[in-house]
Amino acid sequence: MAWGPTMTVQTGLSPEIAGAFSGLNSLIGLPAALIVPTIISNMTKRMRQMFISGISALGVLGYVLLLHQVGSFWYWLVVNLLIGISTSVLFPYLMSTFSLKTDSPMQTAELSGMSQSGGYLLAALGPALFGYAYGWFHSWQPQLIVALVMFALMIVSIVIVERQYNIF
């Protein structure tokens, strides 16, 4: 949601409200980072699949709502809560999955290093490419569609990973 405040202001809300929503989006991550690993580690494979698929669906719904932006406080509050909850749960889930799906600390480190380097590359380039594409298309729609496709691929990946006992 790096471009969330810009989108919010473009629909007519004040920069202060946009900043508050950005802070809310970040604040949601604090309790999730502390609670999610414990919850995930105590779930069965099937429960994790269902839980994470449901949480991912919240993110998908948030991005679908972004395709039809409205200049309403309540609209942006709901969008930020949906996307904030989704991303705040998915990151600690991923970090926990590294140790849940490997047999040794060495495998966990290797899997984590490989996965995180790709993830952080996307995280570093994503916002810049998102903004560059806005300058090219003069719309947020293409980038949001790409984000939705990535969310869908992520959900499929989660289901596949959770079906496996080990992924390494």
N, C-alpha and C. Protein backbone atom coordinates (compact mmCIF):
# COMPACT_ATOMS: atom_id res chain seq x y z
N MET A 1 0.81 -1.19 0.00
CA MET A 1 0.00 0.00 0.00
C MET A 1 0.86 1.26 0.00
N ALA A 2 2.02 1.19 -0.59
CA ALA A 2 2.89 2.36 -0.62
C ALA A 2 2.22 3.55 -1.32
N TRP A 3 1.39 3.27 -2.30
CA TRP A 3 0.71 4.33 -3.03
C TRP A 3 -0.69 4.59 -2.50
N GLY A 4 -1.07 3.92 -1.42
CA GLY A 4 -2.40 4.10 -0.83
C GLY A 4 -2.71 5.54 -0.45
N PRO A 5 -1.81 6.24 0.25
CA PRO A 5 -2.11 7.62 0.60
C PRO A 5 -2.32 8.52 -0.63
N THR A 6 -1.54 8.30 -1.68
CA THR A 6 -1.71 9.09 -2.90
C THR A 6 -3.08 8.82 -3.52
N MET A 7 -3.48 7.54 -3.56
CA MET A 7 -4.80 7.20 -4.10
C MET A 7 -5.89 7.84 -3.26
N THR A 8 -5.72 7.81 -1.94
CA THR A 8 -6.72 8.38 -1.04
C THR A 8 -6.89 9.87 -1.29
N VAL A 9 -5.79 10.59 -1.39
CA VAL A 9 -5.84 12.04 -1.63
C VAL A 9 -6.45 12.33 -2.99
N GLN A 10 -6.15 11.51 -4.00
CA GLN A 10 -6.70 11.73 -5.34
C GLN A 10 -8.22 11.60 -5.38
N THR A 11 -8.80 10.89 -4.41
CA THR A 11 -10.26 10.77 -4.39
C THR A 11 -10.91 11.88 -3.58
N GLY A 12 -10.11 12.78 -3.02
CA GLY A 12 -10.68 13.95 -2.36
C GLY A 12 -10.51 14.01 -0.85
N LEU A 13 -9.95 12.99 -0.24
CA LEU A 13 -9.72 13.05 1.20
C LEU A 13 -8.45 13.84 1.49
N SER A 14 -8.32 14.32 2.70
CA SER A 14 -7.18 15.16 3.05
C SER A 14 -5.91 14.32 3.21
N PRO A 15 -4.76 14.96 3.04
CA PRO A 15 -3.49 14.25 3.27
C PRO A 15 -3.35 13.74 4.71
N GLU A 16 -3.96 14.45 5.66
CA GLU A 16 -3.89 14.01 7.05
C GLU A 16 -4.64 12.68 7.25
N ILE A 17 -5.80 12.58 6.65
CA ILE A 17 -6.57 11.34 6.75
C ILE A 17 -5.83 10.21 6.02
N ALA A 18 -5.26 10.53 4.86
CA ALA A 18 -4.50 9.52 4.11
C ALA A 18 -3.32 9.02 4.95
N GLY A 19 -2.65 9.93 5.64
CA GLY A 19 -1.53 9.56 6.50
C GLY A 19 -1.99 8.71 7.68
N ALA A 20 -3.14 9.05 8.24
CA ALA A 20 -3.68 8.26 9.35
C ALA A 20 -3.99 6.84 8.89
N PHE A 21 -4.55 6.70 7.69
CA PHE A 21 -4.84 5.36 7.17
C PHE A 21 -3.55 4.59 6.92
N SER A 22 -2.53 5.26 6.45
CA SER A 22 -1.24 4.60 6.25
C SER A 22 -0.68 4.11 7.59
N GLY A 23 -0.80 4.94 8.61
CA GLY A 23 -0.36 4.54 9.94
C GLY A 23 -1.17 3.37 10.48
N LEU A 24 -2.48 3.40 10.26
CA LEU A 24 -3.35 2.30 10.69
C LEU A 24 -2.93 1.00 10.01
N ASN A 25 -2.66 1.09 8.72
CA ASN A 25 -2.23 -0.07 7.95
C ASN A 25 -0.96 -0.67 8.56
N SER A 26 -0.04 0.17 8.96
CA SER A 26 1.21 -0.30 9.58
C SER A 26 0.97 -0.81 11.00
N LEU A 27 0.13 -0.13 11.75
CA LEU A 27 -0.13 -0.49 13.14
C LEU A 27 -0.76 -1.88 13.27
N ILE A 28 -1.55 -2.27 12.30
CA ILE A 28 -2.20 -3.59 12.32
C ILE A 28 -1.14 -4.69 12.37
N GLY A 29 0.02 -4.44 11.78
CA GLY A 29 1.06 -5.46 11.70
C GLY A 29 1.69 -5.82 13.03
N LEU A 30 1.66 -4.94 14.02
CA LEU A 30 2.32 -5.22 15.30
C LEU A 30 1.71 -6.42 16.03
N PRO A 31 0.42 -6.43 16.30
CA PRO A 31 -0.11 -7.61 17.00
C PRO A 31 -0.04 -8.87 16.14
N ALA A 32 -0.22 -8.72 14.85
CA ALA A 32 -0.17 -9.90 13.96
C ALA A 32 1.20 -10.55 14.02
N ALA A 33 2.25 -9.75 14.03
CA ALA A 33 3.61 -10.31 14.06
C ALA A 33 3.87 -11.10 15.34
N LEU A 34 3.21 -10.73 16.41
CA LEU A 34 3.40 -11.42 17.68
C LEU A 34 2.50 -12.65 17.84
N ILE A 35 1.32 -12.60 17.28
CA ILE A 35 0.32 -13.65 17.51
C ILE A 35 0.31 -14.72 16.43
N VAL A 36 0.46 -14.33 15.18
CA VAL A 36 0.28 -15.27 14.06
C VAL A 36 1.22 -16.47 14.12
N PRO A 37 2.52 -16.33 14.39
CA PRO A 37 3.37 -17.52 14.41
C PRO A 37 2.90 -18.59 15.40
N THR A 38 2.44 -18.17 16.56
CA THR A 38 1.94 -19.13 17.55
C THR A 38 0.67 -19.81 17.06
N ILE A 39 -0.24 -19.04 16.51
CA ILE A 39 -1.49 -19.60 16.00
C ILE A 39 -1.20 -20.59 14.88
N ILE A 40 -0.36 -20.18 13.93
CA ILE A 40 -0.05 -21.02 12.76
C ILE A 40 0.61 -22.33 13.18
N SER A 41 1.53 -22.26 14.13
CA SER A 41 2.26 -23.47 14.52
C SER A 41 1.37 -24.49 15.24
N ASN A 42 0.24 -24.06 15.76
CA ASN A 42 -0.67 -24.97 16.45
C ASN A 42 -1.82 -25.46 15.57
N MET A 43 -1.82 -25.10 14.31
CA MET A 43 -2.89 -25.52 13.40
C MET A 43 -2.46 -26.74 12.59
N THR A 44 -3.45 -27.50 12.15
CA THR A 44 -3.19 -28.59 11.21
C THR A 44 -2.99 -28.00 9.82
N LYS A 45 -2.50 -28.85 8.90
CA LYS A 45 -2.31 -28.38 7.51
C LYS A 45 -3.60 -27.81 6.95
N ARG A 46 -4.67 -28.54 7.11
CA ARG A 46 -5.96 -28.12 6.55
C ARG A 46 -6.45 -26.82 7.18
N MET A 47 -6.27 -26.70 8.49
CA MET A 47 -6.68 -25.46 9.16
C MET A 47 -5.86 -24.27 8.65
N ARG A 48 -4.55 -24.49 8.45
CA ARG A 48 -3.70 -23.41 7.92
C ARG A 48 -4.15 -23.02 6.53
N GLN A 49 -4.45 -24.02 5.69
CA GLN A 49 -4.93 -23.73 4.33
C GLN A 49 -6.17 -22.85 4.38
N MET A 50 -7.13 -23.24 5.19
CA MET A 50 -8.39 -22.51 5.27
C MET A 50 -8.18 -21.11 5.85
N PHE A 51 -7.41 -21.03 6.92
CA PHE A 51 -7.17 -19.75 7.59
C PHE A 51 -6.46 -18.77 6.66
N ILE A 52 -5.38 -19.22 6.06
CA ILE A 52 -4.59 -18.33 5.21
C ILE A 52 -5.33 -18.01 3.92
N SER A 53 -6.07 -18.94 3.37
CA SER A 53 -6.88 -18.65 2.18
C SER A 53 -7.94 -17.60 2.50
N GLY A 54 -8.55 -17.70 3.68
CA GLY A 54 -9.53 -16.70 4.10
C GLY A 54 -8.92 -15.33 4.29
N ILE A 55 -7.76 -15.30 4.94
CA ILE A 55 -7.05 -14.03 5.14
C ILE A 55 -6.64 -13.44 3.79
N SER A 56 -6.19 -14.29 2.89
CA SER A 56 -5.81 -13.83 1.54
C SER A 56 -7.02 -13.26 0.81
N ALA A 57 -8.17 -13.88 1.02
CA ALA A 57 -9.40 -13.39 0.38
C ALA A 57 -9.73 -11.98 0.84
N LEU A 58 -9.41 -11.66 2.10
CA LEU A 58 -9.61 -10.28 2.57
C LEU A 58 -8.76 -9.31 1.75
N GLY A 59 -7.51 -9.70 1.49
CA GLY A 59 -6.64 -8.85 0.67
C GLY A 59 -7.16 -8.70 -0.75
N VAL A 60 -7.64 -9.80 -1.31
CA VAL A 60 -8.21 -9.75 -2.66
C VAL A 60 -9.40 -8.80 -2.66
N LEU A 61 -10.27 -8.92 -1.67
CA LEU A 61 -11.43 -8.03 -1.59
C LEU A 61 -11.00 -6.57 -1.48
N GLY A 62 -9.97 -6.31 -0.68
CA GLY A 62 -9.45 -4.94 -0.56
C GLY A 62 -8.96 -4.40 -1.88
N TYR A 63 -8.24 -5.21 -2.64
CA TYR A 63 -7.74 -4.75 -3.94
C TYR A 63 -8.86 -4.64 -4.98
N VAL A 64 -9.86 -5.51 -4.90
CA VAL A 64 -11.02 -5.38 -5.80
C VAL A 64 -11.74 -4.07 -5.50
N LEU A 65 -11.88 -3.74 -4.22
CA LEU A 65 -12.50 -2.45 -3.88
C LEU A 65 -11.69 -1.28 -4.43
N LEU A 66 -10.37 -1.42 -4.47
CA LEU A 66 -9.54 -0.34 -5.00
C LEU A 66 -9.77 -0.10 -6.49
N LEU A 67 -10.31 -1.09 -7.18
CA LEU A 67 -10.59 -0.90 -8.61
C LEU A 67 -11.72 0.11 -8.83
N HIS A 68 -12.53 0.35 -7.80
CA HIS A 68 -13.65 1.29 -7.88
C HIS A 68 -13.54 2.28 -6.72
N GLN A 69 -12.57 3.15 -6.79
CA GLN A 69 -12.26 4.05 -5.69
C GLN A 69 -13.36 5.09 -5.47
N VAL A 70 -13.62 5.36 -4.19
CA VAL A 70 -14.63 6.31 -3.76
C VAL A 70 -13.98 7.26 -2.76
N GLY A 71 -14.33 8.51 -2.79
CA GLY A 71 -13.76 9.49 -1.88
C GLY A 71 -14.51 9.54 -0.56
N SER A 72 -14.63 8.42 0.11
CA SER A 72 -15.36 8.33 1.37
C SER A 72 -14.43 7.83 2.47
N PHE A 73 -14.54 8.43 3.63
CA PHE A 73 -13.74 8.01 4.78
C PHE A 73 -13.95 6.53 5.07
N TRP A 74 -15.21 6.10 5.13
CA TRP A 74 -15.54 4.72 5.48
C TRP A 74 -15.03 3.73 4.44
N TYR A 75 -15.09 4.12 3.16
CA TYR A 75 -14.57 3.27 2.09
C TYR A 75 -13.08 3.02 2.32
N TRP A 76 -12.31 4.09 2.54
CA TRP A 76 -10.86 3.96 2.71
C TRP A 76 -10.51 3.26 4.02
N LEU A 77 -11.34 3.43 5.04
CA LEU A 77 -11.10 2.71 6.29
C LEU A 77 -11.24 1.20 6.05
N VAL A 78 -12.30 0.79 5.38
CA VAL A 78 -12.52 -0.63 5.09
C VAL A 78 -11.40 -1.19 4.21
N VAL A 79 -11.03 -0.46 3.16
CA VAL A 79 -9.96 -0.92 2.27
C VAL A 79 -8.65 -1.10 3.04
N ASN A 80 -8.31 -0.13 3.87
CA ASN A 80 -7.07 -0.22 4.64
C ASN A 80 -7.11 -1.35 5.67
N LEU A 81 -8.26 -1.58 6.28
CA LEU A 81 -8.37 -2.69 7.22
C LEU A 81 -8.25 -4.03 6.50
N LEU A 82 -8.92 -4.18 5.36
CA LEU A 82 -8.86 -5.45 4.63
C LEU A 82 -7.43 -5.76 4.17
N ILE A 83 -6.81 -4.80 3.53
CA ILE A 83 -5.45 -5.01 3.02
C ILE A 83 -4.45 -5.08 4.17
N GLY A 84 -4.63 -4.25 5.17
CA GLY A 84 -3.73 -4.25 6.32
C GLY A 84 -3.75 -5.56 7.08
N ILE A 85 -4.94 -6.08 7.34
CA ILE A 85 -5.06 -7.37 8.05
C ILE A 85 -4.44 -8.47 7.21
N SER A 86 -4.75 -8.47 5.93
CA SER A 86 -4.24 -9.53 5.05
C SER A 86 -2.72 -9.54 5.01
N THR A 87 -2.12 -8.42 4.71
CA THR A 87 -0.65 -8.40 4.60
C THR A 87 0.02 -8.59 5.95
N SER A 88 -0.61 -8.12 7.02
CA SER A 88 -0.04 -8.27 8.36
C SER A 88 -0.05 -9.70 8.85
N VAL A 89 -0.98 -10.50 8.38
CA VAL A 89 -1.02 -11.91 8.76
C VAL A 89 -0.14 -12.74 7.82
N LEU A 90 -0.14 -12.40 6.55
CA LEU A 90 0.58 -13.22 5.57
C LEU A 90 2.09 -13.19 5.76
N PHE A 91 2.65 -12.07 6.16
CA PHE A 91 4.11 -12.01 6.32
C PHE A 91 4.59 -12.91 7.46
N PRO A 92 4.02 -12.81 8.68
CA PRO A 92 4.48 -13.74 9.73
C PRO A 92 4.14 -15.20 9.41
N TYR A 93 3.06 -15.42 8.67
CA TYR A 93 2.74 -16.79 8.22
C TYR A 93 3.90 -17.32 7.39
N LEU A 94 4.36 -16.53 6.43
CA LEU A 94 5.46 -16.96 5.57
C LEU A 94 6.71 -17.25 6.39
N MET A 95 7.04 -16.35 7.32
CA MET A 95 8.23 -16.56 8.14
C MET A 95 8.10 -17.85 8.98
N SER A 96 6.91 -18.13 9.47
CA SER A 96 6.69 -19.35 10.26
C SER A 96 6.74 -20.60 9.39
N THR A 97 6.27 -20.48 8.17
CA THR A 97 6.22 -21.62 7.26
C THR A 97 7.62 -22.16 6.98
N PHE A 98 8.62 -21.29 6.95
CA PHE A 98 9.98 -21.75 6.70
C PHE A 98 10.39 -22.83 7.70
N SER A 99 10.08 -22.62 8.96
CA SER A 99 10.48 -23.62 9.96
C SER A 99 9.49 -24.78 10.04
N LEU A 100 8.23 -24.54 9.72
CA LEU A 100 7.23 -25.62 9.78
C LEU A 100 7.40 -26.63 8.64
N LYS A 101 7.96 -26.21 7.53
CA LYS A 101 8.03 -27.06 6.35
C LYS A 101 9.43 -27.57 6.04
N THR A 102 10.31 -27.50 7.02
CA THR A 102 11.67 -28.04 6.86
C THR A 102 12.00 -28.93 8.05
N ASP A 103 13.04 -29.74 7.89
CA ASP A 103 13.41 -30.69 8.94
C ASP A 103 14.59 -30.26 9.80
N SER A 104 15.34 -29.26 9.35
CA SER A 104 16.52 -28.88 10.12
C SER A 104 16.71 -27.37 10.05
N PRO A 105 17.46 -26.82 11.00
CA PRO A 105 17.75 -25.39 10.96
C PRO A 105 18.50 -24.98 9.67
N MET A 106 19.34 -25.87 9.16
CA MET A 106 20.08 -25.57 7.92
C MET A 106 19.11 -25.43 6.75
N GLN A 107 18.17 -26.35 6.64
CA GLN A 107 17.17 -26.26 5.56
C GLN A 107 16.33 -25.00 5.71
N THR A 108 15.96 -24.67 6.94
CA THR A 108 15.17 -23.46 7.18
C THR A 108 15.94 -22.23 6.72
N ALA A 109 17.22 -22.15 7.06
CA ALA A 109 18.04 -21.01 6.66
C ALA A 109 18.18 -20.93 5.15
N GLU A 110 18.38 -22.08 4.48
CA GLU A 110 18.52 -22.08 3.03
C GLU A 110 17.23 -21.65 2.34
N LEU A 111 16.11 -22.20 2.78
CA LEU A 111 14.81 -21.85 2.20
C LEU A 111 14.47 -20.39 2.46
N SER A 112 14.72 -19.96 3.68
CA SER A 112 14.44 -18.57 4.04
C SER A 112 15.29 -17.60 3.23
N GLY A 113 16.56 -17.90 3.11
CA GLY A 113 17.46 -17.02 2.34
C GLY A 113 17.05 -16.93 0.89
N MET A 114 16.71 -18.05 0.29
CA MET A 114 16.30 -18.06 -1.12
C MET A 114 14.99 -17.28 -1.30
N SER A 115 14.02 -17.57 -0.47
CA SER A 115 12.70 -16.95 -0.61
C SER A 115 12.72 -15.46 -0.29
N GLN A 116 13.40 -15.11 0.78
CA GLN A 116 13.41 -13.71 1.18
C GLN A 116 14.15 -12.81 0.20
N SER A 117 15.18 -13.33 -0.44
CA SER A 117 15.89 -12.47 -1.41
C SER A 117 14.96 -12.12 -2.56
N GLY A 118 14.16 -13.06 -3.02
CA GLY A 118 13.19 -12.75 -4.08
C GLY A 118 12.08 -11.85 -3.58
N GLY A 119 11.61 -12.10 -2.38
CA GLY A 119 10.54 -11.29 -1.81
C GLY A 119 10.95 -9.85 -1.57
N TYR A 120 12.15 -9.67 -1.04
CA TYR A 120 12.61 -8.30 -0.79
C TYR A 120 12.94 -7.56 -2.09
N LEU A 121 13.34 -8.28 -3.12
CA LEU A 121 13.54 -7.66 -4.42
C LEU A 121 12.21 -7.11 -4.95
N LEU A 122 11.16 -7.93 -4.85
CA LEU A 122 9.83 -7.46 -5.24
C LEU A 122 9.39 -6.28 -4.39
N ALA A 123 9.64 -6.36 -3.10
CA ALA A 123 9.24 -5.27 -2.20
C ALA A 123 9.97 -3.97 -2.51
N ALA A 124 11.21 -4.09 -2.94
CA ALA A 124 12.00 -2.90 -3.27
C ALA A 124 11.57 -2.30 -4.60
N LEU A 125 11.33 -3.15 -5.59
CA LEU A 125 11.00 -2.64 -6.92
C LEU A 125 9.51 -2.33 -7.11
N GLY A 126 8.65 -3.04 -6.36
CA GLY A 126 7.21 -2.91 -6.54
C GLY A 126 6.67 -1.50 -6.47
N PRO A 127 6.92 -0.77 -5.39
CA PRO A 127 6.37 0.59 -5.31
C PRO A 127 6.89 1.52 -6.41
N ALA A 128 8.15 1.40 -6.77
CA ALA A 128 8.69 2.25 -7.84
C ALA A 128 8.03 1.91 -9.18
N LEU A 129 7.88 0.63 -9.47
CA LEU A 129 7.24 0.23 -10.72
C LEU A 129 5.76 0.61 -10.72
N PHE A 130 5.11 0.51 -9.56
CA PHE A 130 3.71 0.89 -9.42
C PHE A 130 3.53 2.36 -9.78
N GLY A 131 4.39 3.21 -9.23
CA GLY A 131 4.32 4.65 -9.52
C GLY A 131 4.69 4.97 -10.95
N TYR A 132 5.71 4.30 -11.46
CA TYR A 132 6.11 4.51 -12.85
C TYR A 132 4.97 4.15 -13.79
N ALA A 133 4.30 3.04 -13.51
CA ALA A 133 3.18 2.61 -14.36
C ALA A 133 2.04 3.62 -14.29
N TYR A 134 1.84 4.26 -13.14
CA TYR A 134 0.79 5.28 -13.05
C TYR A 134 1.11 6.44 -14.00
N GLY A 135 2.36 6.83 -14.05
CA GLY A 135 2.77 7.89 -14.97
C GLY A 135 2.56 7.49 -16.43
N TRP A 136 2.69 6.22 -16.70
CA TRP A 136 2.55 5.74 -18.07
C TRP A 136 1.07 5.58 -18.45
N PHE A 137 0.28 4.96 -17.57
CA PHE A 137 -1.13 4.68 -17.87
C PHE A 137 -2.07 5.79 -17.42
N HIS A 138 -1.62 6.66 -16.51
CA HIS A 138 -2.48 7.69 -15.90
C HIS A 138 -3.69 7.07 -15.21
N SER A 139 -3.47 5.90 -14.64
CA SER A 139 -4.52 5.15 -13.96
C SER A 139 -3.86 4.15 -13.01
N TRP A 140 -4.58 3.81 -11.96
CA TRP A 140 -4.12 2.79 -11.03
C TRP A 140 -4.61 1.40 -11.43
N GLN A 141 -5.55 1.33 -12.35
CA GLN A 141 -6.20 0.06 -12.70
C GLN A 141 -5.23 -1.05 -13.14
N PRO A 142 -4.31 -0.80 -14.08
CA PRO A 142 -3.42 -1.90 -14.50
C PRO A 142 -2.58 -2.47 -13.35
N GLN A 143 -2.06 -1.60 -12.50
CA GLN A 143 -1.25 -2.07 -11.39
C GLN A 143 -2.09 -2.86 -10.39
N LEU A 144 -3.31 -2.42 -10.16
CA LEU A 144 -4.18 -3.13 -9.22
C LEU A 144 -4.57 -4.49 -9.77
N ILE A 145 -4.76 -4.58 -11.06
CA ILE A 145 -5.06 -5.88 -11.68
C ILE A 145 -3.86 -6.82 -11.53
N VAL A 146 -2.65 -6.29 -11.74
CA VAL A 146 -1.45 -7.11 -11.54
C VAL A 146 -1.37 -7.56 -10.08
N ALA A 147 -1.67 -6.67 -9.14
CA ALA A 147 -1.65 -7.04 -7.71
C ALA A 147 -2.68 -8.14 -7.43
N LEU A 148 -3.84 -8.05 -8.04
CA LEU A 148 -4.87 -9.09 -7.86
C LEU A 148 -4.41 -10.43 -8.42
N VAL A 149 -3.78 -10.40 -9.58
CA VAL A 149 -3.25 -11.64 -10.17
C VAL A 149 -2.19 -12.23 -9.25
N MET A 150 -1.33 -11.39 -8.69
CA MET A 150 -0.29 -11.87 -7.77
C MET A 150 -0.91 -12.47 -6.51
N PHE A 151 -1.97 -11.84 -6.01
CA PHE A 151 -2.67 -12.39 -4.85
C PHE A 151 -3.25 -13.77 -5.17
N ALA A 152 -3.84 -13.89 -6.36
CA ALA A 152 -4.41 -15.19 -6.77
C ALA A 152 -3.32 -16.25 -6.86
N LEU A 153 -2.18 -15.91 -7.44
CA LEU A 153 -1.07 -16.85 -7.52
C LEU A 153 -0.55 -17.22 -6.13
N MET A 154 -0.54 -16.25 -5.24
CA MET A 154 -0.09 -16.51 -3.88
C MET A 154 -1.04 -17.49 -3.19
N ILE A 155 -2.34 -17.31 -3.36
CA ILE A 155 -3.31 -18.21 -2.74
C ILE A 155 -3.11 -19.64 -3.26
N VAL A 156 -2.92 -19.78 -4.56
CA VAL A 156 -2.68 -21.11 -5.14
C VAL A 156 -1.39 -21.69 -4.56
N SER A 157 -0.36 -20.89 -4.45
CA SER A 157 0.91 -21.36 -3.87
C SER A 157 0.75 -21.80 -2.43
N ILE A 158 -0.01 -21.06 -1.66
CA ILE A 158 -0.24 -21.41 -0.26
C ILE A 158 -0.93 -22.77 -0.16
N VAL A 159 -1.94 -22.97 -0.98
CA VAL A 159 -2.66 -24.25 -0.94
C VAL A 159 -1.71 -25.39 -1.30
N ILE A 160 -0.87 -25.19 -2.32
CA ILE A 160 0.08 -26.23 -2.73
C ILE A 160 1.10 -26.49 -1.62
N VAL A 161 1.65 -25.44 -1.04
CA VAL A 161 2.65 -25.59 0.02
C VAL A 161 2.04 -26.29 1.24
N GLU A 162 0.84 -25.92 1.59
CA GLU A 162 0.22 -26.54 2.77
C GLU A 162 -0.17 -28.00 2.55
N ARG A 163 -0.28 -28.43 1.32
CA ARG A 163 -0.55 -29.85 1.04
C ARG A 163 0.68 -30.71 1.28
N GLN A 164 1.84 -30.11 1.19
CA GLN A 164 3.10 -30.83 1.35
C GLN A 164 3.48 -30.92 2.83
N TYR A 165 4.08 -32.04 3.20
CA TYR A 165 4.60 -32.15 4.56
C TYR A 165 5.83 -31.24 4.70
N ASN A 166 6.75 -31.38 3.74
CA ASN A 166 7.95 -30.56 3.67
C ASN A 166 8.05 -29.95 2.28
N ILE A 167 8.65 -28.78 2.21
CA ILE A 167 8.85 -28.17 0.89
C ILE A 167 10.31 -28.09 0.52
N PHE A 168 11.16 -28.66 1.35
CA PHE A 168 12.60 -28.61 1.06
C PHE A 168 13.18 -29.98 1.14
